Amino acid sequence: MILERGEKVHVMVRRLFEKDLRRHFVGEVIEVSGDLARAEGYVYVLEDVTGEYTRRPNKRIRLIGLADPGNIVNVLPPDADLENVKYTESQEGGLVVTDGKTFALDINEFGPSR
């Protein structure tokens, strides 16, 4: 299997239209079947007013299509602290996802735009 139970993931959902919400998900895989994963974690949404990603308060269980071209899935380190994930700006102006302890993931592969 491409993902295993217990692995931690960061998922970016591609927008289909310009006005679509920019949504990300950070969670832990609880089950995998073929190219579908069930994960428990938090949804982050880019707020129009502040221009920052904010975490929705409640944990959710999401189904993630691993073969879906609309999902960009990053595997996080096993010791990533999912309760403390936040978005910060890098020195180069890009967007970084980090727990402030064990990992920092630059998610701007094509420049500093959000």
N, C-alpha and C. Protein backbone atom coordinates (compact mmCIF):
# COMPACT_ATOMS: atom_id res chain seq x y z
N MET A 1 0.84 -1.19 0.00
CA MET A 1 0.00 0.00 0.00
C MET A 1 0.88 1.24 0.00
N ILE A 2 0.35 2.27 -0.60
CA ILE A 2 1.10 3.52 -0.71
C ILE A 2 1.13 4.28 0.62
N LEU A 3 0.07 4.18 1.39
CA LEU A 3 0.00 4.76 2.73
C LEU A 3 -0.36 3.66 3.71
N GLU A 4 0.07 3.85 4.94
CA GLU A 4 -0.23 2.87 5.98
C GLU A 4 -0.92 3.53 7.15
N ARG A 5 -1.63 2.73 7.89
CA ARG A 5 -2.29 3.19 9.11
C ARG A 5 -1.24 3.83 10.02
N GLY A 6 -1.61 4.99 10.57
CA GLY A 6 -0.71 5.69 11.49
C GLY A 6 0.16 6.75 10.84
N GLU A 7 0.27 6.73 9.50
CA GLU A 7 1.05 7.77 8.85
C GLU A 7 0.30 9.10 8.92
N LYS A 8 1.07 10.17 8.95
CA LYS A 8 0.48 11.51 9.03
C LYS A 8 0.61 12.18 7.67
N VAL A 9 -0.45 12.89 7.29
CA VAL A 9 -0.49 13.49 5.96
C VAL A 9 -0.94 14.94 5.99
N HIS A 10 -0.48 15.67 5.00
CA HIS A 10 -0.94 17.03 4.72
C HIS A 10 -1.51 16.98 3.31
N VAL A 11 -2.77 17.35 3.14
CA VAL A 11 -3.44 17.25 1.85
C VAL A 11 -3.90 18.64 1.40
N MET A 12 -3.49 19.01 0.20
CA MET A 12 -3.97 20.26 -0.40
C MET A 12 -5.01 19.88 -1.44
N VAL A 13 -6.17 20.51 -1.38
CA VAL A 13 -7.25 20.24 -2.33
C VAL A 13 -7.21 21.32 -3.40
N ARG A 14 -6.97 20.90 -4.63
CA ARG A 14 -6.89 21.87 -5.73
C ARG A 14 -8.25 22.51 -5.96
N ARG A 15 -8.21 23.80 -6.24
CA ARG A 15 -9.44 24.52 -6.56
C ARG A 15 -9.82 24.26 -8.00
N LEU A 16 -11.11 24.12 -8.25
CA LEU A 16 -11.59 23.95 -9.61
C LEU A 16 -11.93 25.30 -10.25
N PHE A 17 -12.33 26.25 -9.41
CA PHE A 17 -12.70 27.58 -9.88
C PHE A 17 -12.01 28.62 -9.03
N GLU A 18 -11.84 29.80 -9.57
CA GLU A 18 -11.11 30.87 -8.89
C GLU A 18 -11.69 31.20 -7.52
N LYS A 19 -12.99 31.16 -7.38
CA LYS A 19 -13.65 31.53 -6.12
C LYS A 19 -13.78 30.38 -5.13
N ASP A 20 -13.33 29.17 -5.49
CA ASP A 20 -13.40 28.04 -4.57
C ASP A 20 -12.53 28.31 -3.33
N LEU A 21 -12.97 27.78 -2.20
CA LEU A 21 -12.17 27.89 -0.98
C LEU A 21 -10.85 27.17 -1.16
N ARG A 22 -9.81 27.70 -0.54
CA ARG A 22 -8.52 27.01 -0.50
C ARG A 22 -8.52 26.19 0.78
N ARG A 23 -8.59 24.86 0.60
CA ARG A 23 -8.71 23.96 1.75
C ARG A 23 -7.51 23.02 1.83
N HIS A 24 -7.06 22.81 3.05
CA HIS A 24 -6.02 21.84 3.33
C HIS A 24 -6.50 20.95 4.47
N PHE A 25 -5.90 19.79 4.58
CA PHE A 25 -6.25 18.86 5.65
C PHE A 25 -4.95 18.29 6.22
N VAL A 26 -4.88 18.21 7.54
CA VAL A 26 -3.73 17.60 8.22
C VAL A 26 -4.29 16.55 9.15
N GLY A 27 -3.85 15.30 8.98
CA GLY A 27 -4.39 14.25 9.82
C GLY A 27 -3.56 12.98 9.82
N GLU A 28 -4.09 11.99 10.52
CA GLU A 28 -3.45 10.68 10.65
C GLU A 28 -4.31 9.63 9.98
N VAL A 29 -3.68 8.81 9.17
CA VAL A 29 -4.38 7.76 8.44
C VAL A 29 -4.87 6.71 9.44
N ILE A 30 -6.17 6.38 9.36
CA ILE A 30 -6.71 5.35 10.25
C ILE A 30 -7.09 4.09 9.48
N GLU A 31 -7.16 4.19 8.15
CA GLU A 31 -7.46 3.01 7.34
C GLU A 31 -7.15 3.32 5.89
N VAL A 32 -6.71 2.28 5.16
CA VAL A 32 -6.44 2.42 3.73
C VAL A 32 -7.04 1.23 3.00
N SER A 33 -7.68 1.51 1.89
CA SER A 33 -8.22 0.46 1.04
C SER A 33 -8.00 0.87 -0.40
N GLY A 34 -7.09 0.18 -1.08
CA GLY A 34 -6.78 0.54 -2.46
C GLY A 34 -6.23 1.94 -2.53
N ASP A 35 -6.86 2.78 -3.36
CA ASP A 35 -6.38 4.16 -3.49
C ASP A 35 -7.24 5.15 -2.70
N LEU A 36 -7.86 4.66 -1.63
CA LEU A 36 -8.68 5.50 -0.76
C LEU A 36 -8.18 5.38 0.68
N ALA A 37 -7.99 6.53 1.32
CA ALA A 37 -7.54 6.54 2.71
C ALA A 37 -8.58 7.27 3.57
N ARG A 38 -8.77 6.76 4.78
CA ARG A 38 -9.61 7.42 5.78
C ARG A 38 -8.63 8.01 6.80
N ALA A 39 -8.78 9.30 7.07
CA ALA A 39 -7.86 9.97 7.99
C ALA A 39 -8.65 10.86 8.94
N GLU A 40 -8.11 11.01 10.13
CA GLU A 40 -8.72 11.87 11.14
C GLU A 40 -7.80 13.04 11.41
N GLY A 41 -8.35 14.25 11.37
CA GLY A 41 -7.52 15.41 11.60
C GLY A 41 -8.29 16.70 11.47
N TYR A 42 -7.59 17.73 11.03
CA TYR A 42 -8.16 19.08 10.98
C TYR A 42 -8.16 19.66 9.57
N VAL A 43 -9.18 20.46 9.30
CA VAL A 43 -9.29 21.19 8.03
C VAL A 43 -8.78 22.60 8.28
N TYR A 44 -8.00 23.10 7.33
CA TYR A 44 -7.51 24.48 7.33
C TYR A 44 -8.07 25.17 6.10
N VAL A 45 -8.53 26.40 6.28
CA VAL A 45 -9.13 27.17 5.17
C VAL A 45 -8.46 28.54 5.12
N LEU A 46 -8.17 28.99 3.90
CA LEU A 46 -7.60 30.33 3.72
C LEU A 46 -8.71 31.35 3.92
N GLU A 47 -8.52 32.22 4.90
CA GLU A 47 -9.50 33.26 5.20
C GLU A 47 -9.30 34.46 4.27
N ASP A 48 -10.37 34.90 3.61
CA ASP A 48 -10.28 36.02 2.67
C ASP A 48 -9.83 37.31 3.35
N VAL A 49 -10.33 37.56 4.55
CA VAL A 49 -10.05 38.82 5.24
C VAL A 49 -8.60 38.93 5.67
N THR A 50 -8.07 37.88 6.31
CA THR A 50 -6.71 37.94 6.84
C THR A 50 -5.66 37.43 5.87
N GLY A 51 -6.06 36.61 4.90
CA GLY A 51 -5.10 36.01 3.98
C GLY A 51 -4.27 34.91 4.62
N GLU A 52 -4.77 34.38 5.75
CA GLU A 52 -4.04 33.34 6.47
C GLU A 52 -4.89 32.08 6.58
N TYR A 53 -4.21 30.94 6.66
CA TYR A 53 -4.91 29.68 6.87
C TYR A 53 -5.26 29.54 8.34
N THR A 54 -6.53 29.21 8.60
CA THR A 54 -6.96 28.99 9.98
C THR A 54 -7.55 27.59 10.10
N ARG A 55 -7.33 27.00 11.25
CA ARG A 55 -7.81 25.64 11.50
C ARG A 55 -9.24 25.69 11.99
N ARG A 56 -10.06 24.83 11.42
CA ARG A 56 -11.42 24.65 11.93
C ARG A 56 -11.32 23.92 13.26
N PRO A 57 -12.20 24.26 14.22
CA PRO A 57 -12.01 23.77 15.60
C PRO A 57 -12.21 22.27 15.82
N ASN A 58 -13.06 21.64 15.06
CA ASN A 58 -13.38 20.24 15.34
C ASN A 58 -12.59 19.28 14.46
N LYS A 59 -12.15 18.18 15.07
CA LYS A 59 -11.52 17.12 14.29
C LYS A 59 -12.56 16.51 13.36
N ARG A 60 -12.09 16.06 12.21
CA ARG A 60 -12.99 15.44 11.23
C ARG A 60 -12.35 14.17 10.70
N ILE A 61 -13.20 13.32 10.19
CA ILE A 61 -12.72 12.14 9.48
C ILE A 61 -12.98 12.39 8.01
N ARG A 62 -11.91 12.32 7.21
CA ARG A 62 -12.01 12.61 5.79
C ARG A 62 -11.62 11.37 4.99
N LEU A 63 -12.25 11.21 3.85
CA LEU A 63 -11.84 10.20 2.88
C LEU A 63 -10.99 10.92 1.84
N ILE A 64 -9.82 10.38 1.58
CA ILE A 64 -8.87 11.02 0.68
C ILE A 64 -8.63 10.09 -0.50
N GLY A 65 -8.96 10.55 -1.68
CA GLY A 65 -8.69 9.79 -2.89
C GLY A 65 -7.23 9.97 -3.27
N LEU A 66 -6.44 8.92 -3.10
CA LEU A 66 -5.01 9.01 -3.35
C LEU A 66 -4.69 9.13 -4.84
N ALA A 67 -5.58 8.67 -5.69
CA ALA A 67 -5.38 8.77 -7.13
C ALA A 67 -6.11 9.98 -7.73
N ASP A 68 -6.79 10.74 -6.90
CA ASP A 68 -7.53 11.92 -7.36
C ASP A 68 -6.56 13.04 -7.70
N PRO A 69 -6.55 13.51 -8.95
CA PRO A 69 -5.61 14.57 -9.33
C PRO A 69 -5.90 15.90 -8.62
N GLY A 70 -7.03 16.00 -7.94
CA GLY A 70 -7.37 17.20 -7.19
C GLY A 70 -6.75 17.24 -5.81
N ASN A 71 -6.12 16.14 -5.38
CA ASN A 71 -5.49 16.09 -4.06
C ASN A 71 -3.98 16.01 -4.21
N ILE A 72 -3.28 16.88 -3.51
CA ILE A 72 -1.83 16.81 -3.42
C ILE A 72 -1.53 16.34 -2.00
N VAL A 73 -1.00 15.12 -1.88
CA VAL A 73 -0.80 14.50 -0.56
C VAL A 73 0.68 14.49 -0.22
N ASN A 74 1.02 15.09 0.93
CA ASN A 74 2.38 15.05 1.46
C ASN A 74 2.38 14.18 2.70
N VAL A 75 3.35 13.30 2.81
CA VAL A 75 3.49 12.47 4.01
C VAL A 75 4.39 13.22 4.99
N LEU A 76 3.90 13.36 6.22
CA LEU A 76 4.63 14.08 7.26
C LEU A 76 5.46 13.11 8.09
N PRO A 77 6.45 13.61 8.83
CA PRO A 77 7.24 12.74 9.70
C PRO A 77 6.38 12.09 10.77
N PRO A 78 6.75 10.90 11.21
CA PRO A 78 5.95 10.19 12.23
C PRO A 78 5.78 10.95 13.53
N ASP A 79 6.76 11.79 13.88
CA ASP A 79 6.67 12.51 15.16
C ASP A 79 6.05 13.90 15.01
N ALA A 80 5.45 14.19 13.86
CA ALA A 80 4.78 15.48 13.66
C ALA A 80 3.66 15.65 14.68
N ASP A 81 3.59 16.82 15.29
CA ASP A 81 2.57 17.13 16.30
C ASP A 81 1.39 17.80 15.59
N LEU A 82 0.40 17.01 15.25
CA LEU A 82 -0.74 17.51 14.46
C LEU A 82 -1.58 18.54 15.21
N GLU A 83 -1.54 18.53 16.52
CA GLU A 83 -2.32 19.49 17.31
C GLU A 83 -1.74 20.90 17.23
N ASN A 84 -0.48 21.02 16.81
CA ASN A 84 0.18 22.32 16.79
C ASN A 84 0.60 22.78 15.40
N VAL A 85 -0.01 22.22 14.36
CA VAL A 85 0.32 22.62 13.00
C VAL A 85 -0.17 24.04 12.75
N LYS A 86 0.69 24.82 12.11
CA LYS A 86 0.33 26.20 11.75
C LYS A 86 1.01 26.54 10.44
N TYR A 87 0.57 27.62 9.83
CA TYR A 87 1.12 28.11 8.58
C TYR A 87 1.90 29.37 8.88
N THR A 88 3.13 29.44 8.35
CA THR A 88 3.97 30.62 8.53
C THR A 88 4.58 31.00 7.19
N GLU A 89 5.19 32.15 7.15
CA GLU A 89 5.85 32.60 5.94
C GLU A 89 7.35 32.35 6.07
N SER A 90 7.95 31.83 5.01
CA SER A 90 9.39 31.58 5.02
C SER A 90 10.13 32.89 4.77
N GLN A 91 11.44 32.86 4.94
CA GLN A 91 12.26 34.05 4.70
C GLN A 91 12.18 34.49 3.24
N GLU A 92 11.93 33.52 2.35
CA GLU A 92 11.83 33.83 0.93
C GLU A 92 10.43 34.30 0.53
N GLY A 93 9.51 34.32 1.46
CA GLY A 93 8.15 34.77 1.17
C GLY A 93 7.18 33.65 0.83
N GLY A 94 7.63 32.42 0.90
CA GLY A 94 6.76 31.28 0.61
C GLY A 94 5.97 30.86 1.84
N LEU A 95 5.08 29.93 1.64
CA LEU A 95 4.23 29.43 2.71
C LEU A 95 4.78 28.11 3.24
N VAL A 96 4.89 28.01 4.56
CA VAL A 96 5.44 26.83 5.21
C VAL A 96 4.43 26.28 6.21
N VAL A 97 4.25 24.96 6.19
CA VAL A 97 3.43 24.28 7.19
C VAL A 97 4.40 23.69 8.20
N THR A 98 4.15 23.93 9.49
CA THR A 98 5.06 23.44 10.52
C THR A 98 4.32 23.15 11.82
N ASP A 99 4.91 22.29 12.63
CA ASP A 99 4.39 22.10 13.97
C ASP A 99 5.24 22.88 14.98
N GLY A 100 6.25 23.59 14.47
CA GLY A 100 7.12 24.40 15.32
C GLY A 100 8.14 23.57 16.07
N LYS A 101 8.19 22.26 15.80
CA LYS A 101 9.11 21.38 16.54
C LYS A 101 9.89 20.47 15.60
N THR A 102 9.19 19.55 14.94
CA THR A 102 9.89 18.48 14.23
C THR A 102 9.86 18.58 12.72
N PHE A 103 9.00 19.41 12.15
CA PHE A 103 8.98 19.48 10.69
C PHE A 103 8.55 20.86 10.21
N ALA A 104 9.03 21.18 9.02
CA ALA A 104 8.61 22.38 8.30
C ALA A 104 8.55 21.99 6.83
N LEU A 105 7.38 22.17 6.23
CA LEU A 105 7.15 21.76 4.85
C LEU A 105 6.82 22.99 4.01
N ASP A 106 7.72 23.33 3.08
CA ASP A 106 7.49 24.45 2.17
C ASP A 106 6.49 23.95 1.12
N ILE A 107 5.34 24.60 1.04
CA ILE A 107 4.30 24.12 0.12
C ILE A 107 4.16 25.01 -1.11
N ASN A 108 5.14 25.87 -1.35
CA ASN A 108 5.13 26.74 -2.54
C ASN A 108 6.21 26.28 -3.49
N GLU A 109 5.91 25.27 -4.28
CA GLU A 109 6.88 24.74 -5.21
C GLU A 109 7.11 25.66 -6.40
N PHE A 110 6.17 26.56 -6.66
CA PHE A 110 6.28 27.39 -7.85
C PHE A 110 6.34 28.87 -7.52
N GLY A 111 6.72 29.23 -6.31
CA GLY A 111 6.84 30.63 -5.95
C GLY A 111 6.06 30.98 -4.71
N PRO A 112 6.10 32.25 -4.30
CA PRO A 112 5.53 32.68 -3.02
C PRO A 112 4.03 32.89 -3.00
N SER A 113 3.30 32.62 -4.09
CA SER A 113 1.85 32.86 -4.05
C SER A 113 1.15 31.86 -3.14
N ARG A 114 0.03 32.26 -2.58
CA ARG A 114 -0.72 31.40 -1.68
C ARG A 114 -1.85 30.78 -2.43
